Amino acid sequence: MLVSLGRSAGRLLRARNSVTGLRHGGGGVDIPPKYRQFPELTRRQVIHSEVLSSFMWFWILWHFWHNSDMVLGHFPYPDPAAWTDEELGIPPDDAE
């Protein structure tokens, strides 16, 4: 029993080591790379990119419109006309 188990394990290990470097990547390259040229996109890739980018901009603009405090802050912007010269670091007119 142990001998047959050892033989099976040995066969498994030898079979596994013999296929190192074999990659199952799901087929060939859809678009072969070209040196310094734009890739030729398929119609499916263009449609997917348009749908994905449209959804991304919808998501960004929707959340900016409905929850703009996350970007602009929770507090109203202070009125600069109400700031004093001292707060702005401007010395008084009579000081030299």
PDB file of N, CA and C in Angstrom:
ATOM      1  N   MET A   1       0.810  -1.183   0.000  1.00  0.00           N
ATOM      2  CA  MET A   1       0.000   0.000   0.000  1.00  0.00           C
ATOM      3  C   MET A   1       0.858   1.254   0.000  1.00  0.00           C
ATOM      4  N   LEU A   2       1.856   1.306   0.867  1.00  0.00           N
ATOM      5  CA  LEU A   2       2.734   2.469   0.907  1.00  0.00           C
ATOM      6  C   LEU A   2       3.568   2.572  -0.364  1.00  0.00           C
ATOM      7  N   VAL A   3       3.938   1.454  -0.932  1.00  0.00           N
ATOM      8  CA  VAL A   3       4.741   1.473  -2.156  1.00  0.00           C
ATOM      9  C   VAL A   3       3.925   2.066  -3.305  1.00  0.00           C
ATOM     10  N   SER A   4       2.670   1.642  -3.450  1.00  0.00           N
ATOM     11  CA  SER A   4       1.849   2.179  -4.536  1.00  0.00           C
ATOM     12  C   SER A   4       1.559   3.663  -4.312  1.00  0.00           C
ATOM     13  N   LEU A   5       1.398   4.070  -3.062  1.00  0.00           N
ATOM     14  CA  LEU A   5       1.193   5.489  -2.767  1.00  0.00           C
ATOM     15  C   LEU A   5       2.443   6.296  -3.115  1.00  0.00           C
ATOM     16  N   GLY A   6       3.599   5.754  -2.811  1.00  0.00           N
ATOM     17  CA  GLY A   6       4.863   6.422  -3.145  1.00  0.00           C
ATOM     18  C   GLY A   6       5.041   6.544  -4.650  1.00  0.00           C
ATOM     19  N   ARG A   7       4.694   5.478  -5.408  1.00  0.00           N
ATOM     20  CA  ARG A   7       4.804   5.537  -6.872  1.00  0.00           C
ATOM     21  C   ARG A   7       3.867   6.596  -7.444  1.00  0.00           C
ATOM     22  N   SER A   8       2.633   6.663  -6.918  1.00  0.00           N
ATOM     23  CA  SER A   8       1.673   7.659  -7.404  1.00  0.00           C
ATOM     24  C   SER A   8       2.167   9.071  -7.115  1.00  0.00           C
ATOM     25  N   ALA A   9       2.697   9.275  -5.932  1.00  0.00           N
ATOM     26  CA  ALA A   9       3.215  10.596  -5.582  1.00  0.00           C
ATOM     27  C   ALA A   9       4.405  10.953  -6.454  1.00  0.00           C
ATOM     28  N   GLY A  10       5.267   9.984  -6.733  1.00  0.00           N
ATOM     29  CA  GLY A  10       6.417  10.235  -7.602  1.00  0.00           C
ATOM     30  C   GLY A  10       5.989  10.597  -9.010  1.00  0.00           C
ATOM     31  N   ARG A  11       4.997   9.890  -9.548  1.00  0.00           N
ATOM     32  CA  ARG A  11       4.496  10.214 -10.887  1.00  0.00           C
ATOM     33  C   ARG A  11       3.880  11.612 -10.931  1.00  0.00           C
ATOM     34  N   LEU A  12       3.143  11.950  -9.885  1.00  0.00           N
ATOM     35  CA  LEU A  12       2.534  13.274  -9.828  1.00  0.00           C
ATOM     36  C   LEU A  12       3.596  14.371  -9.808  1.00  0.00           C
ATOM     37  N   LEU A  13       4.621  14.183  -8.989  1.00  0.00           N
ATOM     38  CA  LEU A  13       5.678  15.192  -8.905  1.00  0.00           C
ATOM     39  C   LEU A  13       6.440  15.324 -10.221  1.00  0.00           C
ATOM     40  N   ARG A  14       6.728  14.193 -10.866  1.00  0.00           N
ATOM     41  CA  ARG A  14       7.434  14.246 -12.163  1.00  0.00           C
ATOM     42  C   ARG A  14       6.571  14.908 -13.234  1.00  0.00           C
ATOM     43  N   ALA A  15       5.291  14.609 -13.230  1.00  0.00           N
ATOM     44  CA  ALA A  15       4.402  15.197 -14.229  1.00  0.00           C
ATOM     45  C   ALA A  15       4.263  16.703 -14.001  1.00  0.00           C
ATOM     46  N   ARG A  16       4.226  17.129 -12.763  1.00  0.00           N
ATOM     47  CA  ARG A  16       4.082  18.545 -12.479  1.00  0.00           C
ATOM     48  C   ARG A  16       5.351  19.311 -12.848  1.00  0.00           C
ATOM     49  N   ASN A  17       6.507  18.730 -12.648  1.00  0.00           N
ATOM     50  CA  ASN A  17       7.765  19.404 -12.963  1.00  0.00           C
ATOM     51  C   ASN A  17       8.016  19.465 -14.463  1.00  0.00           C
ATOM     52  N   SER A  18       7.416  18.573 -15.232  1.00  0.00           N
ATOM     53  CA  SER A  18       7.700  18.540 -16.662  1.00  0.00           C
ATOM     54  C   SER A  18       6.980  19.647 -17.432  1.00  0.00           C
ATOM     55  N   VAL A  19       5.969  20.270 -16.846  1.00  0.00           N
ATOM     56  CA  VAL A  19       5.220  21.304 -17.554  1.00  0.00           C
ATOM     57  C   VAL A  19       5.491  22.702 -16.996  1.00  0.00           C
ATOM     58  N   THR A  20       6.628  22.884 -16.355  1.00  0.00           N
ATOM     59  CA  THR A  20       6.941  24.223 -15.864  1.00  0.00           C
ATOM     60  C   THR A  20       7.155  25.134 -17.055  1.00  0.00           C
ATOM     61  N   GLY A  21       6.663  26.323 -16.943  1.00  0.00           N
ATOM     62  CA  GLY A  21       6.774  27.285 -18.032  1.00  0.00           C
ATOM     63  C   GLY A  21       5.584  27.276 -18.964  1.00  0.00           C
ATOM     64  N   LEU A  22       4.697  26.310 -18.835  1.00  0.00           N
ATOM     65  CA  LEU A  22       3.508  26.265 -19.668  1.00  0.00           C
ATOM     66  C   LEU A  22       2.476  27.201 -19.063  1.00  0.00           C
ATOM     67  N   ARG A  23       2.019  28.162 -19.859  1.00  0.00           N
ATOM     68  CA  ARG A  23       1.075  29.144 -19.354  1.00  0.00           C
ATOM     69  C   ARG A  23      -0.248  29.002 -20.091  1.00  0.00           C
ATOM     70  N   HIS A  24      -1.297  29.094 -19.342  1.00  0.00           N
ATOM     71  CA  HIS A  24      -2.634  29.045 -19.909  1.00  0.00           C
ATOM     72  C   HIS A  24      -3.237  30.434 -19.772  1.00  0.00           C
ATOM     73  N   GLY A  25      -2.959  31.307 -20.708  1.00  0.00           N
ATOM     74  CA  GLY A  25      -3.402  32.692 -20.632  1.00  0.00           C
ATOM     75  C   GLY A  25      -4.726  32.939 -21.317  1.00  0.00           C
ATOM     76  N   GLY A  26      -5.384  31.944 -21.788  1.00  0.00           N
ATOM     77  CA  GLY A  26      -6.685  32.138 -22.408  1.00  0.00           C
ATOM     78  C   GLY A  26      -6.610  32.444 -23.879  1.00  0.00           C
ATOM     79  N   GLY A  27      -5.590  31.996 -24.554  1.00  0.00           N
ATOM     80  CA  GLY A  27      -5.504  32.234 -25.990  1.00  0.00           C
ATOM     81  C   GLY A  27      -4.421  33.249 -26.325  1.00  0.00           C
ATOM     82  N   GLY A  28      -4.417  33.664 -27.573  1.00  0.00           N
ATOM     83  CA  GLY A  28      -3.411  34.605 -28.023  1.00  0.00           C
ATOM     84  C   GLY A  28      -3.763  36.037 -27.677  1.00  0.00           C
ATOM     85  N   VAL A  29      -2.908  36.928 -28.092  1.00  0.00           N
ATOM     86  CA  VAL A  29      -3.114  38.348 -27.843  1.00  0.00           C
ATOM     87  C   VAL A  29      -4.187  38.848 -28.792  1.00  0.00           C
ATOM     88  N   ASP A  30      -5.153  39.620 -28.260  1.00  0.00           N
ATOM     89  CA  ASP A  30      -6.209  40.163 -29.104  1.00  0.00           C
ATOM     90  C   ASP A  30      -5.645  41.133 -30.133  1.00  0.00           C
ATOM     91  N   ILE A  31      -4.791  42.034 -29.663  1.00  0.00           N
ATOM     92  CA  ILE A  31      -4.184  43.019 -30.547  1.00  0.00           C
ATOM     93  C   ILE A  31      -2.679  42.945 -30.341  1.00  0.00           C
ATOM     94  N   PRO A  32      -1.923  42.536 -31.339  1.00  0.00           N
ATOM     95  CA  PRO A  32      -0.472  42.457 -31.147  1.00  0.00           C
ATOM     96  C   PRO A  32       0.121  43.853 -30.962  1.00  0.00           C
ATOM     97  N   PRO A  33       1.104  44.005 -30.065  1.00  0.00           N
ATOM     98  CA  PRO A  33       1.695  45.319 -29.839  1.00  0.00           C
ATOM     99  C   PRO A  33       2.495  45.788 -31.054  1.00  0.00           C
ATOM    100  N   LYS A  34       2.479  47.096 -31.286  1.00  0.00           N
ATOM    101  CA  LYS A  34       3.219  47.685 -32.390  1.00  0.00           C
ATOM    102  C   LYS A  34       4.096  48.788 -31.836  1.00  0.00           C
ATOM    103  N   TYR A  35       5.276  48.911 -32.339  1.00  0.00           N
ATOM    104  CA  TYR A  35       6.225  49.882 -31.840  1.00  0.00           C
ATOM    105  C   TYR A  35       5.840  51.286 -32.294  1.00  0.00           C
ATOM    106  N   ARG A  36       5.623  52.180 -31.332  1.00  0.00           N
ATOM    107  CA  ARG A  36       5.325  53.597 -31.569  1.00  0.00           C
ATOM    108  C   ARG A  36       4.118  53.832 -32.478  1.00  0.00           C
ATOM    109  N   GLN A  37       3.115  53.022 -32.326  1.00  0.00           N
ATOM    110  CA  GLN A  37       1.882  53.209 -33.080  1.00  0.00           C
ATOM    111  C   GLN A  37       0.710  53.041 -32.119  1.00  0.00           C
ATOM    112  N   PHE A  38      -0.345  53.766 -32.400  1.00  0.00           N
ATOM    113  CA  PHE A  38      -1.531  53.612 -31.586  1.00  0.00           C
ATOM    114  C   PHE A  38      -2.132  52.236 -31.830  1.00  0.00           C
ATOM    115  N   PRO A  39      -2.693  51.628 -30.783  1.00  0.00           N
ATOM    116  CA  PRO A  39      -3.315  50.312 -30.977  1.00  0.00           C
ATOM    117  C   PRO A  39      -4.602  50.439 -31.790  1.00  0.00           C
ATOM    118  N   GLU A  40      -4.896  49.412 -32.521  1.00  0.00           N
ATOM    119  CA  GLU A  40      -6.144  49.362 -33.279  1.00  0.00           C
ATOM    120  C   GLU A  40      -7.197  48.748 -32.370  1.00  0.00           C
ATOM    121  N   LEU A  41      -8.140  49.567 -31.949  1.00  0.00           N
ATOM    122  CA  LEU A  41      -9.159  49.106 -31.016  1.00  0.00           C
ATOM    123  C   LEU A  41     -10.314  48.458 -31.760  1.00  0.00           C
ATOM    124  N   THR A  42     -10.857  47.443 -31.143  1.00  0.00           N
ATOM    125  CA  THR A  42     -12.043  46.811 -31.718  1.00  0.00           C
ATOM    126  C   THR A  42     -13.274  47.633 -31.347  1.00  0.00           C
ATOM    127  N   ARG A  43     -14.357  47.395 -32.031  1.00  0.00           N
ATOM    128  CA  ARG A  43     -15.601  48.134 -31.753  1.00  0.00           C
ATOM    129  C   ARG A  43     -16.079  47.851 -30.336  1.00  0.00           C
ATOM    130  N   ARG A  44     -15.907  46.633 -29.887  1.00  0.00           N
ATOM    131  CA  ARG A  44     -16.317  46.242 -28.542  1.00  0.00           C
ATOM    132  C   ARG A  44     -15.516  47.010 -27.485  1.00  0.00           C
ATOM    133  N   GLN A  45     -14.216  47.182 -27.703  1.00  0.00           N
ATOM    134  CA  GLN A  45     -13.389  47.924 -26.758  1.00  0.00           C
ATOM    135  C   GLN A  45     -13.793  49.399 -26.706  1.00  0.00           C
ATOM    136  N   VAL A  46     -14.117  49.963 -27.852  1.00  0.00           N
ATOM    137  CA  VAL A  46     -14.539  51.370 -27.896  1.00  0.00           C
ATOM    138  C   VAL A  46     -15.862  51.547 -27.146  1.00  0.00           C
ATOM    139  N   ILE A  47     -16.800  50.647 -27.358  1.00  0.00           N
ATOM    140  CA  ILE A  47     -18.095  50.738 -26.678  1.00  0.00           C
ATOM    141  C   ILE A  47     -17.919  50.580 -25.174  1.00  0.00           C
ATOM    142  N   HIS A  48     -17.106  49.623 -24.756  1.00  0.00           N
ATOM    143  CA  HIS A  48     -16.873  49.424 -23.324  1.00  0.00           C
ATOM    144  C   HIS A  48     -16.223  50.652 -22.699  1.00  0.00           C
ATOM    145  N   SER A  49     -15.268  51.248 -23.384  1.00  0.00           N
ATOM    146  CA  SER A  49     -14.601  52.424 -22.823  1.00  0.00           C
ATOM    147  C   SER A  49     -15.557  53.608 -22.748  1.00  0.00           C
ATOM    148  N   GLU A  50     -16.417  53.778 -23.746  1.00  0.00           N
ATOM    149  CA  GLU A  50     -17.390  54.869 -23.712  1.00  0.00           C
ATOM    150  C   GLU A  50     -18.398  54.681 -22.581  1.00  0.00           C
ATOM    151  N   VAL A  51     -18.865  53.461 -22.392  1.00  0.00           N
ATOM    152  CA  VAL A  51     -19.830  53.192 -21.319  1.00  0.00           C
ATOM    153  C   VAL A  51     -19.169  53.415 -19.956  1.00  0.00           C
ATOM    154  N   LEU A  52     -17.967  52.920 -19.789  1.00  0.00           N
ATOM    155  CA  LEU A  52     -17.275  53.067 -18.514  1.00  0.00           C
ATOM    156  C   LEU A  52     -16.973  54.528 -18.206  1.00  0.00           C
ATOM    157  N   SER A  53     -16.489  55.292 -19.178  1.00  0.00           N
ATOM    158  CA  SER A  53     -16.181  56.700 -18.926  1.00  0.00           C
ATOM    159  C   SER A  53     -17.459  57.509 -18.719  1.00  0.00           C
ATOM    160  N   SER A  54     -18.540  57.173 -19.425  1.00  0.00           N
ATOM    161  CA  SER A  54     -19.806  57.870 -19.210  1.00  0.00           C
ATOM    162  C   SER A  54     -20.325  57.624 -17.804  1.00  0.00           C
ATOM    163  N   PHE A  55     -20.251  56.399 -17.334  1.00  0.00           N
ATOM    164  CA  PHE A  55     -20.690  56.088 -15.978  1.00  0.00           C
ATOM    165  C   PHE A  55     -19.814  56.796 -14.950  1.00  0.00           C
ATOM    166  N   MET A  56     -18.504  56.865 -15.207  1.00  0.00           N
ATOM    167  CA  MET A  56     -17.598  57.528 -14.278  1.00  0.00           C
ATOM    168  C   MET A  56     -17.963  59.011 -14.140  1.00  0.00           C
ATOM    169  N   TRP A  57     -18.165  59.708 -15.275  1.00  0.00           N
ATOM    170  CA  TRP A  57     -18.503  61.128 -15.210  1.00  0.00           C
ATOM    171  C   TRP A  57     -19.888  61.348 -14.624  1.00  0.00           C
ATOM    172  N   PHE A  58     -20.835  60.458 -14.891  1.00  0.00           N
ATOM    173  CA  PHE A  58     -22.146  60.545 -14.261  1.00  0.00           C
ATOM    174  C   PHE A  58     -22.002  60.453 -12.744  1.00  0.00           C
ATOM    175  N   TRP A  59     -21.200  59.509 -12.288  1.00  0.00           N
ATOM    176  CA  TRP A  59     -20.999  59.294 -10.858  1.00  0.00           C
ATOM    177  C   TRP A  59     -20.368  60.532 -10.215  1.00  0.00           C
ATOM    178  N   ILE A  60     -19.340  61.074 -10.840  1.00  0.00           N
ATOM    179  CA  ILE A  60     -18.653  62.240 -10.285  1.00  0.00           C
ATOM    180  C   ILE A  60     -19.590  63.443 -10.242  1.00  0.00           C
ATOM    181  N   LEU A  61     -20.251  63.776 -11.354  1.00  0.00           N
ATOM    182  CA  LEU A  61     -21.106  64.953 -11.410  1.00  0.00           C
ATOM    183  C   LEU A  61     -22.356  64.805 -10.541  1.00  0.00           C
ATOM    184  N   TRP A  62     -22.908  63.612 -10.472  1.00  0.00           N
ATOM    185  CA  TRP A  62     -24.077  63.373  -9.634  1.00  0.00           C
ATOM    186  C   TRP A  62     -23.740  63.632  -8.164  1.00  0.00           C
ATOM    187  N   HIS A  63     -22.613  63.074  -7.722  1.00  0.00           N
ATOM    188  CA  HIS A  63     -22.244  63.253  -6.326  1.00  0.00           C
ATOM    189  C   HIS A  63     -21.774  64.671  -6.044  1.00  0.00           C
ATOM    190  N   PHE A  64     -21.175  65.334  -6.994  1.00  0.00           N
ATOM    191  CA  PHE A  64     -20.798  66.729  -6.788  1.00  0.00           C
ATOM    192  C   PHE A  64     -22.044  67.601  -6.680  1.00  0.00           C
ATOM    193  N   TRP A  65     -23.046  67.333  -7.483  1.00  0.00           N
ATOM    194  CA  TRP A  65     -24.277  68.136  -7.449  1.00  0.00           C
ATOM    195  C   TRP A  65     -25.054  67.914  -6.153  1.00  0.00           C
ATOM    196  N   HIS A  66     -25.151  66.654  -5.735  1.00  0.00           N
ATOM    197  CA  HIS A  66     -25.974  66.337  -4.578  1.00  0.00           C
ATOM    198  C   HIS A  66     -25.236  66.383  -3.254  1.00  0.00           C
ATOM    199  N   ASN A  67     -23.921  66.377  -3.269  1.00  0.00           N
ATOM    200  CA  ASN A  67     -23.151  66.384  -2.030  1.00  0.00           C
ATOM    201  C   ASN A  67     -21.882  67.207  -2.232  1.00  0.00           C
ATOM    202  N   SER A  68     -22.041  68.446  -2.662  1.00  0.00           N
ATOM    203  CA  SER A  68     -20.874  69.269  -2.979  1.00  0.00           C
ATOM    204  C   SER A  68     -20.108  69.702  -1.738  1.00  0.00           C
ATOM    205  N   ASP A  69     -20.706  69.587  -0.563  1.00  0.00           N
ATOM    206  CA  ASP A  69     -19.982  69.931   0.659  1.00  0.00           C
ATOM    207  C   ASP A  69     -18.756  69.052   0.873  1.00  0.00           C
ATOM    208  N   MET A  70     -18.764  67.858   0.317  1.00  0.00           N
ATOM    209  CA  MET A  70     -17.603  66.982   0.453  1.00  0.00           C
ATOM    210  C   MET A  70     -16.379  67.580  -0.250  1.00  0.00           C
ATOM    211  N   VAL A  71     -16.599  68.355  -1.287  1.00  0.00           N
ATOM    212  CA  VAL A  71     -15.497  68.963  -2.031  1.00  0.00           C
ATOM    213  C   VAL A  71     -15.238  70.391  -1.561  1.00  0.00           C
ATOM    214  N   LEU A  72     -16.295  71.156  -1.400  1.00  0.00           N
ATOM    215  CA  LEU A  72     -16.163  72.580  -1.089  1.00  0.00           C
ATOM    216  C   LEU A  72     -16.056  72.866   0.405  1.00  0.00           C
ATOM    217  N   GLY A  73     -16.383  71.948   1.242  1.00  0.00           N
ATOM    218  CA  GLY A  73     -16.325  72.161   2.681  1.00  0.00           C
ATOM    219  C   GLY A  73     -17.715  72.354   3.261  1.00  0.00           C
ATOM    220  N   HIS A  74     -17.811  72.253   4.591  1.00  0.00           N
ATOM    221  CA  HIS A  74     -19.100  72.310   5.267  1.00  0.00           C
ATOM    222  C   HIS A  74     -19.456  73.714   5.738  1.00  0.00           C
ATOM    223  N   PHE A  75     -18.516  74.635   5.694  1.00  0.00           N
ATOM    224  CA  PHE A  75     -18.744  75.957   6.262  1.00  0.00           C
ATOM    225  C   PHE A  75     -18.804  76.995   5.154  1.00  0.00           C
ATOM    226  N   PRO A  76     -19.577  78.070   5.353  1.00  0.00           N
ATOM    227  CA  PRO A  76     -19.636  79.116   4.330  1.00  0.00           C
ATOM    228  C   PRO A  76     -18.301  79.850   4.231  1.00  0.00           C
ATOM    229  N   TYR A  77     -17.993  80.327   3.037  1.00  0.00           N
ATOM    230  CA  TYR A  77     -16.745  81.045   2.819  1.00  0.00           C
ATOM    231  C   TYR A  77     -16.840  82.397   3.501  1.00  0.00           C
ATOM    232  N   PRO A  78     -15.816  82.810   4.270  1.00  0.00           N
ATOM    233  CA  PRO A  78     -15.889  84.086   4.976  1.00  0.00           C
ATOM    234  C   PRO A  78     -15.859  85.275   4.017  1.00  0.00           C
ATOM    235  N   ASP A  79     -16.462  86.363   4.429  1.00  0.00           N
ATOM    236  CA  ASP A  79     -16.506  87.575   3.617  1.00  0.00           C
ATOM    237  C   ASP A  79     -15.179  88.316   3.764  1.00  0.00           C
ATOM    238  N   PRO A  80     -14.380  88.481   2.705  1.00  0.00           N
ATOM    239  CA  PRO A  80     -13.083  89.147   2.834  1.00  0.00           C
ATOM    240  C   PRO A  80     -13.202  90.627   3.191  1.00  0.00           C
ATOM    241  N   ALA A  81     -14.349  91.242   2.897  1.00  0.00           N
ATOM    242  CA  ALA A  81     -14.524  92.658   3.227  1.00  0.00           C
ATOM    243  C   ALA A  81     -14.623  92.863   4.738  1.00  0.00           C
ATOM    244  N   ALA A  82     -14.983  91.844   5.483  1.00  0.00           N
ATOM    245  CA  ALA A  82     -15.122  91.959   6.925  1.00  0.00           C
ATOM    246  C   ALA A  82     -13.798  91.773   7.666  1.00  0.00           C
ATOM    247  N   TRP A  83     -12.732  91.370   6.989  1.00  0.00           N
ATOM    248  CA  TRP A  83     -11.444  91.162   7.649  1.00  0.00           C
ATOM    249  C   TRP A  83     -10.797  92.501   7.972  1.00  0.00           C
ATOM    250  N   THR A  84     -10.152  92.562   9.103  1.00  0.00           N
ATOM    251  CA  THR A  84      -9.472  93.796   9.499  1.00  0.00           C
ATOM    252  C   THR A  84      -8.050  93.792   8.973  1.00  0.00           C
ATOM    253  N   ASP A  85      -7.413  94.979   9.004  1.00  0.00           N
ATOM    254  CA  ASP A  85      -6.017  95.073   8.566  1.00  0.00           C
ATOM    255  C   ASP A  85      -5.111  94.234   9.454  1.00  0.00           C
ATOM    256  N   GLU A  86      -5.427  94.181  10.744  1.00  0.00           N
ATOM    257  CA  GLU A  86      -4.605  93.405  11.673  1.00  0.00           C
ATOM    258  C   GLU A  86      -4.669  91.913  11.337  1.00  0.00           C
ATOM    259  N   GLU A  87      -5.864  91.417  10.999  1.00  0.00           N
ATOM    260  CA  GLU A  87      -6.011  90.006  10.620  1.00  0.00           C
ATOM    261  C   GLU A  87      -5.265  89.692   9.331  1.00  0.00           C
ATOM    262  N   LEU A  88      -5.183  90.676   8.441  1.00  0.00           N
ATOM    263  CA  LEU A  88      -4.490  90.464   7.161  1.00  0.00           C
ATOM    264  C   LEU A  88      -2.989  90.714   7.271  1.00  0.00           C
ATOM    265  N   GLY A  89      -2.518  91.232   8.413  1.00  0.00           N
ATOM    266  CA  GLY A  89      -1.089  91.481   8.596  1.00  0.00           C
ATOM    267  C   GLY A  89      -0.639  92.802   7.998  1.00  0.00           C
ATOM    268  N   ILE A  90      -1.548  93.755   7.799  1.00  0.00           N
ATOM    269  CA  ILE A  90      -1.218  95.055   7.242  1.00  0.00           C
ATOM    270  C   ILE A  90      -0.955  96.009   8.407  1.00  0.00           C
ATOM    271  N   PRO A  91       0.215  96.661   8.409  1.00  0.00           N
ATOM    272  CA  PRO A  91       0.513  97.572   9.532  1.00  0.00           C
ATOM    273  C   PRO A  91      -0.387  98.810   9.467  1.00  0.00           C
ATOM    274  N   PRO A  92      -0.589  99.473  10.606  1.00  0.00           N
ATOM    275  CA  PRO A  92      -1.412 100.694  10.606  1.00  0.00           C
ATOM    276  C   PRO A  92      -0.784 101.793   9.756  1.00  0.00           C
ATOM    277  N   ASP A  93      -1.605 102.765   9.319  1.00  0.00           N
ATOM    278  CA  ASP A  93      -1.124 103.824   8.436  1.00  0.00           C
ATOM    279  C   ASP A  93      -0.118 104.738   9.106  1.00  0.00           C
ATOM    280  N   ASP A  94      -0.224 104.959  10.418  1.00  0.00           N
ATOM    281  CA  ASP A  94       0.678 105.878  11.102  1.00  0.00           C
ATOM    282  C   ASP A  94       1.996 105.234  11.511  1.00  0.00           C
ATOM    283  N   ALA A  95       2.153 103.957  11.409  1.00  0.00           N
ATOM    284  CA  ALA A  95       3.409 103.290  11.750  1.00  0.00           C
ATOM    285  C   ALA A  95       4.385 103.349  10.596  1.00  0.00           C
ATOM    286  N   GLU A  96       5.643 103.541  10.976  1.00  0.00           N
ATOM    287  CA  GLU A  96       6.682 103.588   9.926  1.00  0.00           C
ATOM    288  C   GLU A  96       7.668 102.486  10.064  1.00  0.00           C
TER     289      GLU A  96
END
